[in-house]
Amino acid sequence: MTTPTHSTTGRQRRVLVPPPAEAVAPAPPRLPDPPIYRDLMRTWADRGRTLPGRQDPEWTRLAAPWRGPDPLSGSPGPRGGGR
């Protein structure tokens, strides 16, 4: 919903005014997944695949900010660059 407003120059602007909270319809109730989808999700989970709507630990690790070298890994070469 927009409401017209007037400025001192005579131009007309439109200002977005959100509808009242009670005017927004509630989301419809979620129906359970059909059995074929539950079976498919179970099969994917058993094979270690990423599932819709669930966090993927590998993606979380890969997308995390870099924190420097891994303290448990060995150094890539001798100190001082003497390769």
PDB file of N, CA and C in Angstrom:
ATOM      1  N   MET A   1       0.859  -1.170   0.000  1.00  0.00           N
ATOM      2  CA  MET A   1       0.000   0.000   0.000  1.00  0.00           C
ATOM      3  C   MET A   1       0.896   1.221   0.000  1.00  0.00           C
ATOM      4  N   THR A   2       0.582   2.193  -0.841  1.00  0.00           N
ATOM      5  CA  THR A   2       1.360   3.422  -0.865  1.00  0.00           C
ATOM      6  C   THR A   2       0.459   4.594  -0.551  1.00  0.00           C
ATOM      7  N   THR A   3       1.065   5.593   0.029  1.00  0.00           N
ATOM      8  CA  THR A   3       0.333   6.799   0.406  1.00  0.00           C
ATOM      9  C   THR A   3       0.996   7.982  -0.282  1.00  0.00           C
ATOM     10  N   PRO A   4       0.247   8.774  -1.086  1.00  0.00           N
ATOM     11  CA  PRO A   4       0.876   9.913  -1.733  1.00  0.00           C
ATOM     12  C   PRO A   4       1.199  11.003  -0.708  1.00  0.00           C
ATOM     13  N   THR A   5       2.319  11.664  -0.903  1.00  0.00           N
ATOM     14  CA  THR A   5       2.701  12.801  -0.069  1.00  0.00           C
ATOM     15  C   THR A   5       3.140  13.921  -0.992  1.00  0.00           C
ATOM     16  N   HIS A   6       3.095  15.131  -0.530  1.00  0.00           N
ATOM     17  CA  HIS A   6       3.492  16.285  -1.328  1.00  0.00           C
ATOM     18  C   HIS A   6       4.650  16.984  -0.653  1.00  0.00           C
ATOM     19  N   SER A   7       5.621  17.418  -1.464  1.00  0.00           N
ATOM     20  CA  SER A   7       6.746  18.169  -0.923  1.00  0.00           C
ATOM     21  C   SER A   7       6.510  19.653  -1.190  1.00  0.00           C
ATOM     22  N   THR A   8       7.426  20.469  -0.729  1.00  0.00           N
ATOM     23  CA  THR A   8       7.267  21.915  -0.905  1.00  0.00           C
ATOM     24  C   THR A   8       7.416  22.332  -2.365  1.00  0.00           C
ATOM     25  N   THR A   9       8.045  21.517  -3.206  1.00  0.00           N
ATOM     26  CA  THR A   9       8.218  21.863  -4.617  1.00  0.00           C
ATOM     27  C   THR A   9       7.006  21.465  -5.454  1.00  0.00           C
ATOM     28  N   GLY A  10       6.024  20.838  -4.852  1.00  0.00           N
ATOM     29  CA  GLY A  10       4.829  20.432  -5.566  1.00  0.00           C
ATOM     30  C   GLY A  10       4.932  19.050  -6.179  1.00  0.00           C
ATOM     31  N   ARG A  11       6.084  18.419  -6.088  1.00  0.00           N
ATOM     32  CA  ARG A  11       6.223  17.061  -6.601  1.00  0.00           C
ATOM     33  C   ARG A  11       5.485  16.089  -5.693  1.00  0.00           C
ATOM     34  N   GLN A  12       5.056  15.022  -6.277  1.00  0.00           N
ATOM     35  CA  GLN A  12       4.354  14.010  -5.491  1.00  0.00           C
ATOM     36  C   GLN A  12       5.271  12.794  -5.347  1.00  0.00           C
ATOM     37  N   ARG A  13       5.422  12.302  -4.114  1.00  0.00           N
ATOM     38  CA  ARG A  13       6.211  11.106  -3.833  1.00  0.00           C
ATOM     39  C   ARG A  13       5.275  10.034  -3.308  1.00  0.00           C
ATOM     40  N   ARG A  14       5.694   8.800  -3.438  1.00  0.00           N
ATOM     41  CA  ARG A  14       4.925   7.690  -2.865  1.00  0.00           C
ATOM     42  C   ARG A  14       5.759   7.084  -1.738  1.00  0.00           C
ATOM     43  N   VAL A  15       5.130   6.889  -0.607  1.00  0.00           N
ATOM     44  CA  VAL A  15       5.794   6.327   0.557  1.00  0.00           C
ATOM     45  C   VAL A  15       5.164   4.975   0.839  1.00  0.00           C
ATOM     46  N   LEU A  16       6.009   3.959   0.973  1.00  0.00           N
ATOM     47  CA  LEU A  16       5.517   2.615   1.259  1.00  0.00           C
ATOM     48  C   LEU A  16       5.063   2.534   2.714  1.00  0.00           C
ATOM     49  N   VAL A  17       3.819   2.142   2.912  1.00  0.00           N
ATOM     50  CA  VAL A  17       3.270   1.968   4.251  1.00  0.00           C
ATOM     51  C   VAL A  17       2.849   0.508   4.370  1.00  0.00           C
ATOM     52  N   PRO A  18       3.511  -0.276   5.237  1.00  0.00           N
ATOM     53  CA  PRO A  18       3.151  -1.693   5.343  1.00  0.00           C
ATOM     54  C   PRO A  18       1.731  -1.859   5.891  1.00  0.00           C
ATOM     55  N   PRO A  19       1.059  -2.938   5.472  1.00  0.00           N
ATOM     56  CA  PRO A  19      -0.290  -3.168   5.982  1.00  0.00           C
ATOM     57  C   PRO A  19      -0.241  -3.521   7.468  1.00  0.00           C
ATOM     58  N   PRO A  20      -1.315  -3.303   8.199  1.00  0.00           N
ATOM     59  CA  PRO A  20      -1.339  -3.689   9.617  1.00  0.00           C
ATOM     60  C   PRO A  20      -1.099  -5.195   9.760  1.00  0.00           C
ATOM     61  N   ALA A  21      -0.496  -5.582  10.869  1.00  0.00           N
ATOM     62  CA  ALA A  21      -0.137  -6.984  11.095  1.00  0.00           C
ATOM     63  C   ALA A  21      -1.352  -7.905  11.015  1.00  0.00           C
ATOM     64  N   GLU A  22      -2.493  -7.468  11.482  1.00  0.00           N
ATOM     65  CA  GLU A  22      -3.667  -8.344  11.457  1.00  0.00           C
ATOM     66  C   GLU A  22      -4.202  -8.546  10.041  1.00  0.00           C
ATOM     67  N   ALA A  23      -3.773  -7.727   9.078  1.00  0.00           N
ATOM     68  CA  ALA A  23      -4.239  -7.867   7.698  1.00  0.00           C
ATOM     69  C   ALA A  23      -3.455  -8.938   6.940  1.00  0.00           C
ATOM     70  N   VAL A  24      -2.306  -9.371   7.451  1.00  0.00           N
ATOM     71  CA  VAL A  24      -1.497 -10.392   6.796  1.00  0.00           C
ATOM     72  C   VAL A  24      -2.071 -11.763   7.128  1.00  0.00           C
ATOM     73  N   ALA A  25      -2.342 -12.545   6.088  1.00  0.00           N
ATOM     74  CA  ALA A  25      -2.932 -13.873   6.286  1.00  0.00           C
ATOM     75  C   ALA A  25      -1.891 -14.827   6.872  1.00  0.00           C
ATOM     76  N   PRO A  26      -2.279 -15.681   7.795  1.00  0.00           N
ATOM     77  CA  PRO A  26      -1.329 -16.657   8.348  1.00  0.00           C
ATOM     78  C   PRO A  26      -0.988 -17.708   7.295  1.00  0.00           C
ATOM     79  N   ALA A  27       0.182 -18.310   7.441  1.00  0.00           N
ATOM     80  CA  ALA A  27       0.610 -19.356   6.510  1.00  0.00           C
ATOM     81  C   ALA A  27      -0.288 -20.570   6.667  1.00  0.00           C
ATOM     82  N   PRO A  28      -0.581 -21.247   5.557  1.00  0.00           N
ATOM     83  CA  PRO A  28      -1.418 -22.442   5.658  1.00  0.00           C
ATOM     84  C   PRO A  28      -0.682 -23.533   6.422  1.00  0.00           C
ATOM     85  N   PRO A  29      -1.397 -24.434   7.064  1.00  0.00           N
ATOM     86  CA  PRO A  29      -0.728 -25.507   7.813  1.00  0.00           C
ATOM     87  C   PRO A  29       0.074 -26.391   6.862  1.00  0.00           C
ATOM     88  N   ARG A  30       1.233 -26.842   7.319  1.00  0.00           N
ATOM     89  CA  ARG A  30       2.099 -27.682   6.489  1.00  0.00           C
ATOM     90  C   ARG A  30       1.632 -29.122   6.561  1.00  0.00           C
ATOM     91  N   LEU A  31       1.443 -29.722   5.403  1.00  0.00           N
ATOM     92  CA  LEU A  31       1.024 -31.114   5.320  1.00  0.00           C
ATOM     93  C   LEU A  31       2.255 -32.010   5.416  1.00  0.00           C
ATOM     94  N   PRO A  32       2.102 -33.214   5.961  1.00  0.00           N
ATOM     95  CA  PRO A  32       3.257 -34.120   6.036  1.00  0.00           C
ATOM     96  C   PRO A  32       3.681 -34.561   4.633  1.00  0.00           C
ATOM     97  N   ASP A  33       4.965 -34.873   4.487  1.00  0.00           N
ATOM     98  CA  ASP A  33       5.470 -35.346   3.200  1.00  0.00           C
ATOM     99  C   ASP A  33       4.861 -36.703   2.867  1.00  0.00           C
ATOM    100  N   PRO A  34       4.593 -36.953   1.579  1.00  0.00           N
ATOM    101  CA  PRO A  34       4.103 -38.272   1.180  1.00  0.00           C
ATOM    102  C   PRO A  34       5.157 -39.337   1.484  1.00  0.00           C
ATOM    103  N   PRO A  35       4.746 -40.583   1.685  1.00  0.00           N
ATOM    104  CA  PRO A  35       5.699 -41.653   2.047  1.00  0.00           C
ATOM    105  C   PRO A  35       6.863 -41.800   1.071  1.00  0.00           C
ATOM    106  N   ILE A  36       6.637 -41.577  -0.218  1.00  0.00           N
ATOM    107  CA  ILE A  36       7.728 -41.738  -1.184  1.00  0.00           C
ATOM    108  C   ILE A  36       8.853 -40.745  -0.902  1.00  0.00           C
ATOM    109  N   TYR A  37       8.504 -39.526  -0.482  1.00  0.00           N
ATOM    110  CA  TYR A  37       9.527 -38.532  -0.177  1.00  0.00           C
ATOM    111  C   TYR A  37      10.244 -38.865   1.127  1.00  0.00           C
ATOM    112  N   ARG A  38       9.519 -39.372   2.105  1.00  0.00           N
ATOM    113  CA  ARG A  38      10.171 -39.777   3.362  1.00  0.00           C
ATOM    114  C   ARG A  38      11.178 -40.890   3.087  1.00  0.00           C
ATOM    115  N   ASP A  39      10.797 -41.855   2.241  1.00  0.00           N
ATOM    116  CA  ASP A  39      11.707 -42.959   1.898  1.00  0.00           C
ATOM    117  C   ASP A  39      12.935 -42.442   1.151  1.00  0.00           C
ATOM    118  N   LEU A  40      12.733 -41.498   0.237  1.00  0.00           N
ATOM    119  CA  LEU A  40      13.839 -40.924  -0.505  1.00  0.00           C
ATOM    120  C   LEU A  40      14.792 -40.179   0.431  1.00  0.00           C
ATOM    121  N   MET A  41      14.242 -39.388   1.345  1.00  0.00           N
ATOM    122  CA  MET A  41      15.069 -38.657   2.315  1.00  0.00           C
ATOM    123  C   MET A  41      15.863 -39.641   3.181  1.00  0.00           C
ATOM    124  N   ARG A  42      15.231 -40.723   3.594  1.00  0.00           N
ATOM    125  CA  ARG A  42      15.923 -41.719   4.419  1.00  0.00           C
ATOM    126  C   ARG A  42      17.068 -42.349   3.627  1.00  0.00           C
ATOM    127  N   THR A  43      16.833 -42.664   2.354  1.00  0.00           N
ATOM    128  CA  THR A  43      17.869 -43.255   1.503  1.00  0.00           C
ATOM    129  C   THR A  43      19.034 -42.284   1.339  1.00  0.00           C
ATOM    130  N   TRP A  44      18.739 -41.014   1.066  1.00  0.00           N
ATOM    131  CA  TRP A  44      19.797 -40.011   0.918  1.00  0.00           C
ATOM    132  C   TRP A  44      20.581 -39.859   2.216  1.00  0.00           C
ATOM    133  N   ALA A  45      19.882 -39.829   3.340  1.00  0.00           N
ATOM    134  CA  ALA A  45      20.560 -39.681   4.639  1.00  0.00           C
ATOM    135  C   ALA A  45      21.477 -40.878   4.893  1.00  0.00           C
ATOM    136  N   ASP A  46      21.021 -42.081   4.566  1.00  0.00           N
ATOM    137  CA  ASP A  46      21.839 -43.282   4.764  1.00  0.00           C
ATOM    138  C   ASP A  46      23.104 -43.247   3.915  1.00  0.00           C
ATOM    139  N   ARG A  47      23.048 -42.563   2.774  1.00  0.00           N
ATOM    140  CA  ARG A  47      24.207 -42.470   1.882  1.00  0.00           C
ATOM    141  C   ARG A  47      25.057 -41.235   2.167  1.00  0.00           C
ATOM    142  N   GLY A  48      24.685 -40.452   3.195  1.00  0.00           N
ATOM    143  CA  GLY A  48      25.473 -39.291   3.585  1.00  0.00           C
ATOM    144  C   GLY A  48      25.271 -38.078   2.702  1.00  0.00           C
ATOM    145  N   ARG A  49      24.182 -38.014   1.969  1.00  0.00           N
ATOM    146  CA  ARG A  49      23.933 -36.882   1.074  1.00  0.00           C
ATOM    147  C   ARG A  49      23.290 -35.724   1.826  1.00  0.00           C
ATOM    148  N   THR A  50      23.392 -34.541   1.212  1.00  0.00           N
ATOM    149  CA  THR A  50      22.768 -33.351   1.762  1.00  0.00           C
ATOM    150  C   THR A  50      21.260 -33.447   1.597  1.00  0.00           C
ATOM    151  N   LEU A  51      20.527 -33.071   2.632  1.00  0.00           N
ATOM    152  CA  LEU A  51      19.070 -33.147   2.598  1.00  0.00           C
ATOM    153  C   LEU A  51      18.460 -31.756   2.597  1.00  0.00           C
ATOM    154  N   PRO A  52      17.365 -31.568   1.840  1.00  0.00           N
ATOM    155  CA  PRO A  52      16.699 -30.257   1.837  1.00  0.00           C
ATOM    156  C   PRO A  52      16.237 -29.868   3.236  1.00  0.00           C
ATOM    157  N   GLY A  53      16.482 -28.634   3.613  1.00  0.00           N
ATOM    158  CA  GLY A  53      16.025 -28.131   4.900  1.00  0.00           C
ATOM    159  C   GLY A  53      16.899 -28.521   6.071  1.00  0.00           C
ATOM    160  N   ARG A  54      18.013 -29.186   5.822  1.00  0.00           N
ATOM    161  CA  ARG A  54      18.929 -29.575   6.906  1.00  0.00           C
ATOM    162  C   ARG A  54      20.308 -29.015   6.626  1.00  0.00           C
ATOM    163  N   GLN A  55      21.018 -28.671   7.682  1.00  0.00           N
ATOM    164  CA  GLN A  55      22.340 -28.087   7.540  1.00  0.00           C
ATOM    165  C   GLN A  55      23.325 -29.119   7.020  1.00  0.00           C
ATOM    166  N   ASP A  56      24.191 -28.707   6.119  1.00  0.00           N
ATOM    167  CA  ASP A  56      25.219 -29.568   5.556  1.00  0.00           C
ATOM    168  C   ASP A  56      26.549 -29.229   6.235  1.00  0.00           C
ATOM    169  N   PRO A  57      27.082 -30.121   7.078  1.00  0.00           N
ATOM    170  CA  PRO A  57      28.310 -29.802   7.823  1.00  0.00           C
ATOM    171  C   PRO A  57      29.495 -29.487   6.911  1.00  0.00           C
ATOM    172  N   GLU A  58      29.615 -30.185   5.781  1.00  0.00           N
ATOM    173  CA  GLU A  58      30.738 -29.915   4.880  1.00  0.00           C
ATOM    174  C   GLU A  58      30.628 -28.512   4.285  1.00  0.00           C
ATOM    175  N   TRP A  59      29.428 -28.129   3.846  1.00  0.00           N
ATOM    176  CA  TRP A  59      29.240 -26.783   3.289  1.00  0.00           C
ATOM    177  C   TRP A  59      29.517 -25.732   4.362  1.00  0.00           C
ATOM    178  N   THR A  60      29.059 -25.960   5.587  1.00  0.00           N
ATOM    179  CA  THR A  60      29.304 -25.016   6.676  1.00  0.00           C
ATOM    180  C   THR A  60      30.809 -24.833   6.878  1.00  0.00           C
ATOM    181  N   ARG A  61      31.554 -25.936   6.849  1.00  0.00           N
ATOM    182  CA  ARG A  61      33.011 -25.869   7.022  1.00  0.00           C
ATOM    183  C   ARG A  61      33.665 -25.130   5.859  1.00  0.00           C
ATOM    184  N   LEU A  62      33.249 -25.428   4.622  1.00  0.00           N
ATOM    185  CA  LEU A  62      33.860 -24.803   3.451  1.00  0.00           C
ATOM    186  C   LEU A  62      33.519 -23.321   3.330  1.00  0.00           C
ATOM    187  N   ALA A  63      32.320 -22.940   3.765  1.00  0.00           N
ATOM    188  CA  ALA A  63      31.878 -21.548   3.636  1.00  0.00           C
ATOM    189  C   ALA A  63      32.307 -20.680   4.820  1.00  0.00           C
ATOM    190  N   ALA A  64      32.867 -21.275   5.862  1.00  0.00           N
ATOM    191  CA  ALA A  64      33.297 -20.515   7.043  1.00  0.00           C
ATOM    192  C   ALA A  64      34.488 -19.622   6.687  1.00  0.00           C
ATOM    193  N   PRO A  65      34.628 -18.488   7.373  1.00  0.00           N
ATOM    194  CA  PRO A  65      35.783 -17.618   7.117  1.00  0.00           C
ATOM    195  C   PRO A  65      37.097 -18.352   7.391  1.00  0.00           C
ATOM    196  N   TRP A  66      38.110 -18.061   6.591  1.00  0.00           N
ATOM    197  CA  TRP A  66      39.415 -18.694   6.752  1.00  0.00           C
ATOM    198  C   TRP A  66      40.056 -18.236   8.045  1.00  0.00           C
ATOM    199  N   ARG A  67      40.609 -19.159   8.810  1.00  0.00           N
ATOM    200  CA  ARG A  67      41.193 -18.819  10.109  1.00  0.00           C
ATOM    201  C   ARG A  67      42.686 -19.088  10.167  1.00  0.00           C
ATOM    202  N   GLY A  68      43.343 -19.149   9.030  1.00  0.00           N
ATOM    203  CA  GLY A  68      44.778 -19.403   9.019  1.00  0.00           C
ATOM    204  C   GLY A  68      45.059 -20.886   8.875  1.00  0.00           C
ATOM    205  N   PRO A  69      46.343 -21.252   8.946  1.00  0.00           N
ATOM    206  CA  PRO A  69      46.700 -22.664   8.775  1.00  0.00           C
ATOM    207  C   PRO A  69      46.120 -23.537   9.885  1.00  0.00           C
ATOM    208  N   ASP A  70      45.844 -24.740   9.521  1.00  0.00           N
ATOM    209  CA  ASP A  70      45.308 -25.707  10.480  1.00  0.00           C
ATOM    210  C   ASP A  70      46.413 -26.067  11.475  1.00  0.00           C
ATOM    211  N   PRO A  71      46.174 -25.892  12.777  1.00  0.00           N
ATOM    212  CA  PRO A  71      47.237 -26.167  13.760  1.00  0.00           C
ATOM    213  C   PRO A  71      47.625 -27.645  13.821  1.00  0.00           C
ATOM    214  N   LEU A  72      46.807 -28.532  13.287  1.00  0.00           N
ATOM    215  CA  LEU A  72      47.120 -29.955  13.350  1.00  0.00           C
ATOM    216  C   LEU A  72      47.874 -30.436  12.121  1.00  0.00           C
ATOM    217  N   SER A  73      47.927 -29.642  11.061  1.00  0.00           N
ATOM    218  CA  SER A  73      48.634 -30.080   9.861  1.00  0.00           C
ATOM    219  C   SER A  73      50.109 -29.699   9.969  1.00  0.00           C
ATOM    220  N   GLY A  74      50.934 -30.418   9.245  1.00  0.00           N
ATOM    221  CA  GLY A  74      52.367 -30.116   9.231  1.00  0.00           C
ATOM    222  C   GLY A  74      52.627 -28.864   8.424  1.00  0.00           C
ATOM    223  N   SER A  75      53.817 -28.285   8.589  1.00  0.00           N
ATOM    224  CA  SER A  75      54.135 -27.087   7.827  1.00  0.00           C
ATOM    225  C   SER A  75      54.401 -27.496   6.377  1.00  0.00           C
ATOM    226  N   PRO A  76      54.154 -26.578   5.436  1.00  0.00           N
ATOM    227  CA  PRO A  76      54.338 -26.907   4.024  1.00  0.00           C
ATOM    228  C   PRO A  76      55.808 -27.036   3.635  1.00  0.00           C
ATOM    229  N   GLY A  77      56.698 -26.526   4.394  1.00  0.00           N
ATOM    230  CA  GLY A  77      58.124 -26.618   4.068  1.00  0.00           C
ATOM    231  C   GLY A  77      58.962 -26.130   5.233  1.00  0.00           C
ATOM    232  N   PRO A  78      60.264 -26.191   5.098  1.00  0.00           N
ATOM    233  CA  PRO A  78      61.110 -25.725   6.203  1.00  0.00           C
ATOM    234  C   PRO A  78      60.977 -24.230   6.431  1.00  0.00           C
ATOM    235  N   ARG A  79      61.202 -23.790   7.670  1.00  0.00           N
ATOM    236  CA  ARG A  79      61.134 -22.355   7.993  1.00  0.00           C
ATOM    237  C   ARG A  79      62.207 -21.614   7.229  1.00  0.00           C
ATOM    238  N   GLY A  80      61.896 -20.369   6.892  1.00  0.00           N
ATOM    239  CA  GLY A  80      62.870 -19.547   6.175  1.00  0.00           C
ATOM    240  C   GLY A  80      62.819 -19.740   4.673  1.00  0.00           C
ATOM    241  N   GLY A  81      61.947 -20.588   4.185  1.00  0.00           N
ATOM    242  CA  GLY A  81      61.798 -20.777   2.741  1.00  0.00           C
ATOM    243  C   GLY A  81      62.956 -21.514   2.095  1.00  0.00           C
ATOM    244  N   GLY A  82      63.655 -22.355   2.802  1.00  0.00           N
ATOM    245  CA  GLY A  82      64.790 -23.079   2.248  1.00  0.00           C
ATOM    246  C   GLY A  82      64.384 -24.317   1.495  1.00  0.00           C
ATOM    247  N   ARG A  83      63.579 -24.168   0.510  1.00  0.00           N
ATOM    248  CA  ARG A  83      63.160 -25.341  -0.272  1.00  0.00           C
ATOM    249  C   ARG A  83      64.177 -25.640  -1.343  1.00  0.00           C
TER     250      ARG A  83
END
